[in-house]
Amino acid sequence: MEGASFGAGRAGGAIDPVDFLKQPQTILRVITWIFSIVVFGSIVNECYVNTDSQNPELLCVFNENESACSYGIAVGIIAFFGCIFFFIVDLHFQQISSVKDRKRAVLLDLGFSGFLSFLWFVAFCFLANQWQRTTMSKGVSQGADAARAAIAFSFFSIIVWVALAVKALQRYRLGTDMSLFATDQFATDPNAPYPGYPTGSGIESTETYQSPPFTETLDTNPKGYQVPAY
């Protein structure tokens, strides 16, 4: 029973690459991986511009706030490597035979997905707020499309990471139910033998038998009869 829990089959089973890629969780990871590339790629490549032709220094297009660009890049990179890590975990998840290890992996996925949902929410609010305060100029207009793309895909990333958190929560609940079933049905010690029917020693005791109900006591000297003397 330990091999079939937390939404995966028994440990050691063959992995079908086609079925794995068709799983909703795998598709969501690929989508959010692409979104993270769009966000930090847009900021790095096009969101640093020259707002003044006389000043060669590159400034962040989001209201010249370096923190806004740095935060967007940091969250995008974290999401990028996080997607790769959990993609590998999902690929080898069925090979994990221990229920406790599967539970830790699912809880880690749940916590990370919830944490990234919060980070993307902050990123969306931060970038959108700074973009509203940005004064449009010739230099800013060059990176306007990239800035809007970073804001839009930050918002889309919130939705996808929330969906991943929900999927992880469903796997955790499923695994918890199956673990409880296994705990109730089987002994806690895997080496403990199953209780069987009580068996006798193979020798039946004669003490269990009673004397026959209809027995006549033979009197060696019945009344009224005397042994003749010769």
Protein backbone atom coordinates (compact mmCIF):
# COMPACT_ATOMS: atom_id res chain seq x y z
CA MET A 1 0.00 0.00 0.00
CA GLU A 2 2.96 2.30 0.52
CA GLY A 3 3.76 2.17 -3.19
CA ALA A 4 0.45 3.69 -4.27
CA SER A 5 -0.05 7.03 -2.54
CA PHE A 6 -0.04 10.78 -3.13
CA GLY A 7 -1.44 10.46 -6.62
CA ALA A 8 1.24 8.10 -7.99
CA GLY A 9 1.36 4.40 -8.69
CA ARG A 10 3.45 1.79 -7.01
CA ALA A 11 7.16 2.45 -6.73
CA GLY A 12 9.36 1.04 -9.46
CA GLY A 13 6.70 1.17 -12.14
CA ALA A 14 7.58 2.17 -15.69
CA ILE A 15 7.18 5.86 -16.55
CA ASP A 16 5.38 6.68 -19.77
CA PRO A 17 6.84 9.97 -21.11
CA VAL A 18 3.70 10.76 -23.10
CA ASP A 19 1.40 10.30 -20.11
CA PHE A 20 3.79 12.29 -17.93
CA LEU A 21 3.79 15.24 -20.34
CA LYS A 22 -0.01 15.13 -20.55
CA GLN A 23 -0.44 15.49 -16.81
CA PRO A 24 -2.00 18.86 -15.81
CA GLN A 25 0.73 19.42 -13.26
CA THR A 26 3.46 18.99 -15.88
CA ILE A 27 1.71 21.35 -18.29
CA LEU A 28 1.35 23.99 -15.57
CA ARG A 29 5.05 23.76 -14.72
CA VAL A 30 6.05 24.23 -18.34
CA ILE A 31 3.73 27.25 -18.65
CA THR A 32 5.01 28.98 -15.54
CA TRP A 33 8.59 28.18 -16.60
CA ILE A 34 7.97 30.05 -19.86
CA PHE A 35 6.31 32.92 -18.00
CA SER A 36 9.32 33.31 -15.72
CA ILE A 37 11.62 33.54 -18.76
CA VAL A 38 9.41 36.22 -20.30
CA VAL A 39 9.40 38.31 -17.11
CA PHE A 40 13.07 38.37 -16.21
CA GLY A 41 14.14 38.27 -19.87
CA SER A 42 12.05 41.34 -20.70
CA ILE A 43 13.38 43.27 -17.73
CA VAL A 44 17.03 42.38 -18.32
CA ASN A 45 17.03 43.02 -22.06
CA GLU A 46 14.73 46.02 -22.54
CA CYS A 47 13.77 47.58 -19.21
CA TYR A 48 17.08 49.36 -18.68
CA VAL A 49 17.13 52.49 -20.85
CA ASN A 50 18.76 55.89 -21.17
CA THR A 51 16.19 58.39 -20.00
CA ASP A 52 18.47 61.27 -20.90
CA SER A 53 20.67 61.44 -23.97
CA GLN A 54 23.30 63.36 -22.03
CA ASN A 55 23.46 60.68 -19.33
CA PRO A 56 24.79 57.31 -20.58
CA GLU A 57 23.76 55.51 -17.40
CA LEU A 58 21.08 52.86 -17.85
CA LEU A 59 18.12 53.30 -15.53
CA CYS A 60 15.21 51.04 -14.74
CA VAL A 61 12.21 51.90 -16.87
CA PHE A 62 9.86 51.45 -13.89
CA ASN A 63 10.00 54.99 -12.52
CA GLU A 64 13.79 54.72 -12.46
CA ASN A 65 13.39 52.45 -9.45
CA GLU A 66 16.19 49.92 -9.45
CA SER A 67 14.43 47.87 -6.77
CA ALA A 68 11.48 47.21 -9.09
CA CYS A 69 13.67 45.76 -11.84
CA SER A 70 15.82 43.81 -9.38
CA TYR A 71 12.79 42.31 -7.67
CA GLY A 72 11.19 41.25 -10.96
CA ILE A 73 14.43 39.62 -12.10
CA ALA A 74 14.95 37.84 -8.77
CA VAL A 75 11.42 36.38 -8.69
CA GLY A 76 11.70 35.28 -12.30
CA ILE A 77 14.99 33.48 -11.69
CA ILE A 78 13.66 31.79 -8.55
CA ALA A 79 10.59 30.60 -10.44
CA PHE A 80 12.76 29.44 -13.36
CA PHE A 81 14.98 27.16 -11.28
CA GLY A 82 12.09 26.12 -9.04
CA CYS A 83 10.16 24.84 -12.05
CA ILE A 84 13.17 22.81 -13.20
CA PHE A 85 13.66 21.32 -9.74
CA PHE A 86 10.05 20.25 -9.25
CA PHE A 87 9.84 19.01 -12.83
CA ILE A 88 12.65 16.58 -11.97
CA VAL A 89 10.93 15.67 -8.68
CA ASP A 90 7.69 14.88 -10.56
CA LEU A 91 9.64 12.78 -13.05
CA HIS A 92 11.17 10.63 -10.30
CA PHE A 93 8.23 10.82 -7.89
CA GLN A 94 6.98 7.34 -8.75
CA GLN A 95 10.39 5.89 -7.89
CA ILE A 96 10.04 7.08 -4.28
CA SER A 97 8.93 4.05 -2.29
CA SER A 98 8.61 5.66 1.13
CA VAL A 99 5.31 7.31 2.04
CA LYS A 100 7.14 9.76 4.32
CA ASP A 101 9.47 10.87 1.52
CA ARG A 102 6.52 11.33 -0.82
CA LYS A 103 4.75 13.37 1.81
CA ARG A 104 7.79 15.62 2.24
CA ALA A 105 8.03 16.15 -1.52
CA VAL A 106 4.35 17.07 -1.80
CA LEU A 107 4.52 19.41 1.20
CA LEU A 108 7.61 21.07 -0.26
CA ASP A 109 5.78 21.52 -3.56
CA LEU A 110 2.76 22.96 -1.76
CA GLY A 111 4.82 25.41 0.29
CA PHE A 112 6.97 26.52 -2.64
CA SER A 113 3.96 27.03 -4.93
CA GLY A 114 2.16 29.09 -2.30
CA PHE A 115 5.30 31.13 -1.64
CA LEU A 116 5.83 31.84 -5.35
CA SER A 117 2.18 32.84 -5.71
CA PHE A 118 2.75 35.46 -3.03
CA LEU A 119 6.01 36.66 -4.60
CA TRP A 120 4.39 37.05 -8.01
CA PHE A 121 1.49 38.93 -6.47
CA VAL A 122 3.91 41.37 -4.86
CA ALA A 123 5.85 41.63 -8.14
CA PHE A 124 2.70 42.43 -10.11
CA CYS A 125 1.57 45.10 -7.65
CA PHE A 126 5.05 46.60 -7.35
CA LEU A 127 5.74 46.77 -11.10
CA ALA A 128 2.26 48.04 -11.95
CA ASN A 129 2.47 50.75 -9.30
CA GLN A 130 5.89 51.93 -10.45
CA TRP A 131 4.82 51.87 -14.08
CA GLN A 132 1.86 54.13 -13.32
CA ARG A 133 4.24 56.64 -11.74
CA THR A 134 6.65 56.54 -14.65
CA THR A 135 6.97 59.72 -16.70
CA MET A 136 6.87 58.87 -20.37
CA SER A 137 9.85 59.98 -22.42
CA LYS A 138 11.61 58.92 -25.56
CA GLY A 139 13.85 56.54 -23.67
CA VAL A 140 11.02 55.10 -21.60
CA SER A 141 8.88 54.50 -24.67
CA GLN A 142 11.56 52.17 -26.04
CA GLY A 143 11.08 49.79 -23.15
CA ALA A 144 7.35 50.30 -22.71
CA ASP A 145 6.34 47.05 -24.43
CA ALA A 146 8.78 45.03 -22.36
CA ALA A 147 7.54 46.68 -19.18
CA ARG A 148 3.92 45.91 -20.02
CA ALA A 149 4.86 42.30 -20.86
CA ALA A 150 6.62 41.89 -17.52
CA ILE A 151 3.56 43.21 -15.67
CA ALA A 152 1.11 41.07 -17.66
CA PHE A 153 3.06 37.82 -17.27
CA SER A 154 3.60 38.52 -13.58
CA PHE A 155 -0.17 38.53 -13.24
CA PHE A 156 -0.51 35.32 -15.30
CA SER A 157 2.16 33.69 -13.14
CA ILE A 158 0.04 34.28 -10.03
CA ILE A 159 -2.79 32.25 -11.55
CA VAL A 160 -0.55 29.38 -12.65
CA TRP A 161 1.29 29.12 -9.32
CA VAL A 162 -2.00 29.15 -7.42
CA ALA A 163 -3.16 26.31 -9.67
CA LEU A 164 0.04 24.39 -8.86
CA ALA A 165 -0.58 24.95 -5.15
CA VAL A 166 -4.11 23.59 -5.51
CA LYS A 167 -2.82 20.52 -7.35
CA ALA A 168 -0.24 19.92 -4.60
CA LEU A 169 -2.96 20.27 -1.96
CA GLN A 170 -5.11 17.70 -3.76
CA ARG A 171 -2.18 15.28 -3.89
CA TYR A 172 -1.52 15.82 -0.19
CA ARG A 173 -5.13 15.11 0.76
CA LEU A 174 -5.21 12.03 -1.42
CA GLY A 175 -1.97 10.76 0.08
CA THR A 176 -3.16 11.45 3.63
CA ASP A 177 -6.35 9.46 3.09
CA MET A 178 -4.49 6.50 1.64
CA SER A 179 -1.90 6.59 4.40
CA LEU A 180 -4.62 6.50 7.03
CA PHE A 181 -6.23 3.57 5.24
CA ALA A 182 -2.93 1.73 5.22
CA THR A 183 -2.39 2.49 8.91
CA ASP A 184 -5.80 1.21 9.90
CA GLN A 185 -5.69 -1.94 7.84
CA PHE A 186 -2.15 -3.12 8.40
CA ALA A 187 0.11 -3.50 11.39
CA THR A 188 2.56 -0.71 12.14
CA ASP A 189 5.47 -3.14 12.20
CA PRO A 190 6.13 -4.39 8.66
CA ASN A 191 7.81 -7.51 10.04
CA ALA A 192 4.91 -8.42 12.32
CA PRO A 193 3.05 -11.51 11.11
CA TYR A 194 -0.60 -11.37 10.27
CA PRO A 195 -2.86 -12.77 12.98
CA GLY A 196 -4.09 -16.18 12.02
CA TYR A 197 -6.57 -18.68 13.32
CA PRO A 198 -5.64 -20.35 16.60
CA THR A 199 -4.22 -23.77 16.01
CA GLY A 200 -4.12 -26.71 18.39
CA SER A 201 -1.15 -28.79 19.35
CA GLY A 202 -2.30 -31.70 17.19
CA ILE A 203 -2.96 -33.89 20.25
CA GLU A 204 -6.46 -34.04 21.48
CA SER A 205 -6.79 -34.19 25.22
CA THR A 206 -8.85 -37.00 26.61
CA GLU A 207 -9.96 -34.78 29.46
CA THR A 208 -12.42 -33.09 27.22
CA TYR A 209 -14.39 -36.29 26.77
CA GLN A 210 -16.98 -37.30 29.33
CA SER A 211 -18.10 -40.75 30.25
CA PRO A 212 -20.98 -42.10 28.25
CA PRO A 213 -24.34 -41.06 29.67
CA PHE A 214 -25.80 -44.56 29.64
CA THR A 215 -23.43 -46.75 31.56
CA GLU A 216 -24.43 -49.48 34.00
CA THR A 217 -22.32 -50.11 36.99
CA LEU A 218 -21.64 -53.79 37.13
CA ASP A 219 -21.92 -55.07 40.64
CA THR A 220 -19.65 -58.01 41.18
CA ASN A 221 -21.93 -59.24 43.99
CA PRO A 222 -25.55 -58.63 42.99
CA LYS A 223 -28.19 -58.71 45.65
CA GLY A 224 -30.15 -61.97 46.13
CA TYR A 225 -27.52 -64.15 44.69
CA GLN A 226 -24.99 -66.05 46.74
CA VAL A 227 -22.07 -67.95 45.48
CA PRO A 228 -22.57 -71.66 46.28
CA ALA A 229 -19.88 -73.31 48.30
CA TYR A 230 -18.58 -76.65 46.95
